Amino acid sequence: QVQLVESGGGYVQAGGSLGLSCAASRTPFTIGIMGWYRQAPGNQRELVATVSRTGSTNYDDSVKGRFTISRDYAKNTVYLQMNSLEPKDTAVYYCLVQQRWTTNQYWGQGTQVTVSS
């Protein structure tokens, strides 16, 4: 069974930084897209950033210039460096792994990020 282990997150004041990581294991397939989504209370889950197998990145407009996604292909790990955090970034952040050439998606358990004003 695919296992996604997230780490990082926590509590930070506005303007601060946090980093998230997500390591995928037990993946009997080639990983395509890796990425991060987030869900704030009362809201739907929304895209934060993704990185493809070729290294192409995609960011939601709200995080461009502040967040950076990266990937370690050898370790099947995706990272999210979050700078200049704002209270509106407060949410549970979920790691996503998508099987290459399919729409099969796997999600991490979520990690809380709280930004105080």
C-alpha atoms as a PDB file:
ATOM      1  CA  GLN A   1       0.000   0.000   0.000  1.00  0.00           C
ATOM      2  CA  VAL A   2       1.302   3.436  -0.935  1.00  0.00           C
ATOM      3  CA  GLN A   3       2.603   5.333   2.044  1.00  0.00           C
ATOM      4  CA  LEU A   4       3.042   9.116   2.169  1.00  0.00           C
ATOM      5  CA  VAL A   5       4.727  10.503   5.253  1.00  0.00           C
ATOM      6  CA  GLU A   6       4.466  14.237   5.741  1.00  0.00           C
ATOM      7  CA  SER A   7       6.545  16.303   8.108  1.00  0.00           C
ATOM      8  CA  GLY A   8       6.974  19.938   8.915  1.00  0.00           C
ATOM      9  CA  GLY A   9       4.250  22.454   9.430  1.00  0.00           C
ATOM     10  CA  GLY A  10       3.381  24.010  12.743  1.00  0.00           C
ATOM     11  CA  TYR A  11       2.791  27.469  14.077  1.00  0.00           C
ATOM     12  CA  VAL A  12       4.456  30.665  12.897  1.00  0.00           C
ATOM     13  CA  GLN A  13       3.865  34.385  13.014  1.00  0.00           C
ATOM     14  CA  ALA A  14       3.011  36.318   9.890  1.00  0.00           C
ATOM     15  CA  GLY A  15       6.080  36.963   7.793  1.00  0.00           C
ATOM     16  CA  GLY A  16       7.756  33.809   8.986  1.00  0.00           C
ATOM     17  CA  SER A  17       8.774  30.663   7.142  1.00  0.00           C
ATOM     18  CA  LEU A  18       8.022  26.972   7.342  1.00  0.00           C
ATOM     19  CA  GLY A  19       9.002  23.934   5.336  1.00  0.00           C
ATOM     20  CA  LEU A  20       7.058  20.807   4.529  1.00  0.00           C
ATOM     21  CA  SER A  21       8.257  17.486   3.213  1.00  0.00           C
ATOM     22  CA  CYS A  22       6.490  14.382   2.000  1.00  0.00           C
ATOM     23  CA  ALA A  23       8.208  11.074   1.385  1.00  0.00           C
ATOM     24  CA  ALA A  24       6.488   8.455  -0.730  1.00  0.00           C
ATOM     25  CA  SER A  25       7.211   4.777  -0.270  1.00  0.00           C
ATOM     26  CA  ARG A  26       5.732   1.414  -1.207  1.00  0.00           C
ATOM     27  CA  THR A  27       4.934   2.788  -4.635  1.00  0.00           C
ATOM     28  CA  PRO A  28       4.769  -0.094  -7.123  1.00  0.00           C
ATOM     29  CA  PHE A  29       4.511   2.373  -9.961  1.00  0.00           C
ATOM     30  CA  THR A  30       6.334   5.311 -11.494  1.00  0.00           C
ATOM     31  CA  ILE A  31       5.437   8.588  -9.842  1.00  0.00           C
ATOM     32  CA  GLY A  32       4.375  11.377 -12.139  1.00  0.00           C
ATOM     33  CA  ILE A  33       3.175  14.552 -10.478  1.00  0.00           C
ATOM     34  CA  MET A  34       3.916  15.369  -6.852  1.00  0.00           C
ATOM     35  CA  GLY A  35       2.469  18.330  -5.095  1.00  0.00           C
ATOM     36  CA  TRP A  36       0.721  20.084  -2.274  1.00  0.00           C
ATOM     37  CA  TYR A  37      -2.878  21.079  -1.696  1.00  0.00           C
ATOM     38  CA  ARG A  38      -4.433  22.784   1.290  1.00  0.00           C
ATOM     39  CA  GLN A  39      -7.797  23.005   2.962  1.00  0.00           C
ATOM     40  CA  ALA A  40      -8.884  25.714   5.351  1.00  0.00           C
ATOM     41  CA  PRO A  41     -11.923  25.258   7.621  1.00  0.00           C
ATOM     42  CA  GLY A  42     -15.116  25.620   5.642  1.00  0.00           C
ATOM     43  CA  ASN A  43     -13.289  25.663   2.324  1.00  0.00           C
ATOM     44  CA  GLN A  44     -12.645  23.137  -0.390  1.00  0.00           C
ATOM     45  CA  ARG A  45      -9.247  21.618  -0.895  1.00  0.00           C
ATOM     46  CA  GLU A  46      -7.239  23.800  -3.239  1.00  0.00           C
ATOM     47  CA  LEU A  47      -4.050  23.585  -5.221  1.00  0.00           C
ATOM     48  CA  VAL A  48      -0.915  25.087  -3.743  1.00  0.00           C
ATOM     49  CA  ALA A  49       1.819  23.812  -6.045  1.00  0.00           C
ATOM     50  CA  THR A  50       2.799  20.821  -8.130  1.00  0.00           C
ATOM     51  CA  VAL A  51       5.969  19.580  -9.775  1.00  0.00           C
ATOM     52  CA  SER A  52       5.999  17.165 -12.673  1.00  0.00           C
ATOM     53  CA  ARG A  53       8.401  14.358 -13.345  1.00  0.00           C
ATOM     54  CA  THR A  54      10.244  16.622 -15.763  1.00  0.00           C
ATOM     55  CA  GLY A  55      10.557  19.352 -13.150  1.00  0.00           C
ATOM     56  CA  SER A  56       7.884  21.690 -14.421  1.00  0.00           C
ATOM     57  CA  THR A  57       6.219  23.563 -11.597  1.00  0.00           C
ATOM     58  CA  ASN A  58       2.797  25.053 -11.185  1.00  0.00           C
ATOM     59  CA  TYR A  59       1.733  27.429  -8.424  1.00  0.00           C
ATOM     60  CA  ASP A  60      -1.517  28.939  -7.339  1.00  0.00           C
ATOM     61  CA  ASP A  61      -1.376  32.689  -7.860  1.00  0.00           C
ATOM     62  CA  SER A  62      -1.801  33.304  -4.139  1.00  0.00           C
ATOM     63  CA  VAL A  63       1.562  31.697  -3.322  1.00  0.00           C
ATOM     64  CA  LYS A  64       3.678  32.689  -6.303  1.00  0.00           C
ATOM     65  CA  GLY A  65       6.862  34.376  -5.223  1.00  0.00           C
ATOM     66  CA  ARG A  66       6.479  33.170  -1.654  1.00  0.00           C
ATOM     67  CA  PHE A  67       6.402  29.369  -1.862  1.00  0.00           C
ATOM     68  CA  THR A  68       8.845  27.072  -3.616  1.00  0.00           C
ATOM     69  CA  ILE A  69       8.199  23.450  -4.463  1.00  0.00           C
ATOM     70  CA  SER A  70      11.031  21.035  -5.109  1.00  0.00           C
ATOM     71  CA  ARG A  71      11.511  17.340  -5.517  1.00  0.00           C
ATOM     72  CA  ASP A  72      14.133  14.709  -4.791  1.00  0.00           C
ATOM     73  CA  TYR A  73      13.618  12.037  -7.407  1.00  0.00           C
ATOM     74  CA  ALA A  74      15.925   9.521  -5.787  1.00  0.00           C
ATOM     75  CA  LYS A  75      14.101   9.765  -2.474  1.00  0.00           C
ATOM     76  CA  ASN A  76      10.576  10.128  -3.929  1.00  0.00           C
ATOM     77  CA  THR A  77      10.212  13.177  -1.744  1.00  0.00           C
ATOM     78  CA  VAL A  78       8.559  16.500  -2.404  1.00  0.00           C
ATOM     79  CA  TYR A  79       9.234  19.665  -0.454  1.00  0.00           C
ATOM     80  CA  LEU A  80       7.430  22.947   0.002  1.00  0.00           C
ATOM     81  CA  GLN A  81       9.325  25.937   1.322  1.00  0.00           C
ATOM     82  CA  MET A  82       6.916  28.606   2.490  1.00  0.00           C
ATOM     83  CA  ASN A  83       8.200  32.139   3.065  1.00  0.00           C
ATOM     84  CA  SER A  84       6.449  35.385   3.911  1.00  0.00           C
ATOM     85  CA  LEU A  85       3.580  33.438   5.385  1.00  0.00           C
ATOM     86  CA  GLU A  86       0.276  35.183   5.878  1.00  0.00           C
ATOM     87  CA  PRO A  87      -2.713  34.330   8.095  1.00  0.00           C
ATOM     88  CA  LYS A  88      -4.645  33.354   4.952  1.00  0.00           C
ATOM     89  CA  ASP A  89      -2.148  30.529   4.456  1.00  0.00           C
ATOM     90  CA  THR A  90      -3.505  28.819   7.558  1.00  0.00           C
ATOM     91  CA  ALA A  91      -4.800  25.404   6.541  1.00  0.00           C
ATOM     92  CA  VAL A  92      -4.174  21.699   6.591  1.00  0.00           C
ATOM     93  CA  TYR A  93      -1.643  20.940   3.872  1.00  0.00           C
ATOM     94  CA  TYR A  94      -1.896  17.643   2.000  1.00  0.00           C
ATOM     95  CA  CYS A  95       0.751  15.940  -0.069  1.00  0.00           C
ATOM     96  CA  LEU A  96      -0.307  14.498  -3.411  1.00  0.00           C
ATOM     97  CA  VAL A  97       1.307  11.809  -5.511  1.00  0.00           C
ATOM     98  CA  GLN A  98      -0.084  10.893  -8.904  1.00  0.00           C
ATOM     99  CA  GLN A  99       0.801   7.748 -10.757  1.00  0.00           C
ATOM    100  CA  ARG A 100       2.497   8.498 -14.049  1.00  0.00           C
ATOM    101  CA  TRP A 101       0.324   8.239 -17.157  1.00  0.00           C
ATOM    102  CA  THR A 102      -2.819   7.824 -15.052  1.00  0.00           C
ATOM    103  CA  THR A 103      -5.174   9.867 -12.923  1.00  0.00           C
ATOM    104  CA  ASN A 104      -4.611   7.657  -9.884  1.00  0.00           C
ATOM    105  CA  GLN A 105      -3.895   9.920  -6.941  1.00  0.00           C
ATOM    106  CA  TYR A 106      -2.692   9.273  -3.424  1.00  0.00           C
ATOM    107  CA  TRP A 107      -2.892  11.680  -0.513  1.00  0.00           C
ATOM    108  CA  GLY A 108      -0.934  12.224   2.657  1.00  0.00           C
ATOM    109  CA  GLN A 109      -2.584  12.461   6.047  1.00  0.00           C
ATOM    110  CA  GLY A 110      -2.282  16.244   6.168  1.00  0.00           C
ATOM    111  CA  THR A 111      -0.231  18.560   8.325  1.00  0.00           C
ATOM    112  CA  GLN A 112      -1.463  21.709  10.002  1.00  0.00           C
ATOM    113  CA  VAL A 113       0.039  25.094   9.206  1.00  0.00           C
ATOM    114  CA  THR A 114      -1.101  27.985  11.375  1.00  0.00           C
ATOM    115  CA  VAL A 115      -0.026  31.563  10.752  1.00  0.00           C
ATOM    116  CA  SER A 116      -0.850  34.143  13.379  1.00  0.00           C
ATOM    117  CA  SER A 117      -1.267  37.834  12.664  1.00  0.00           C
END
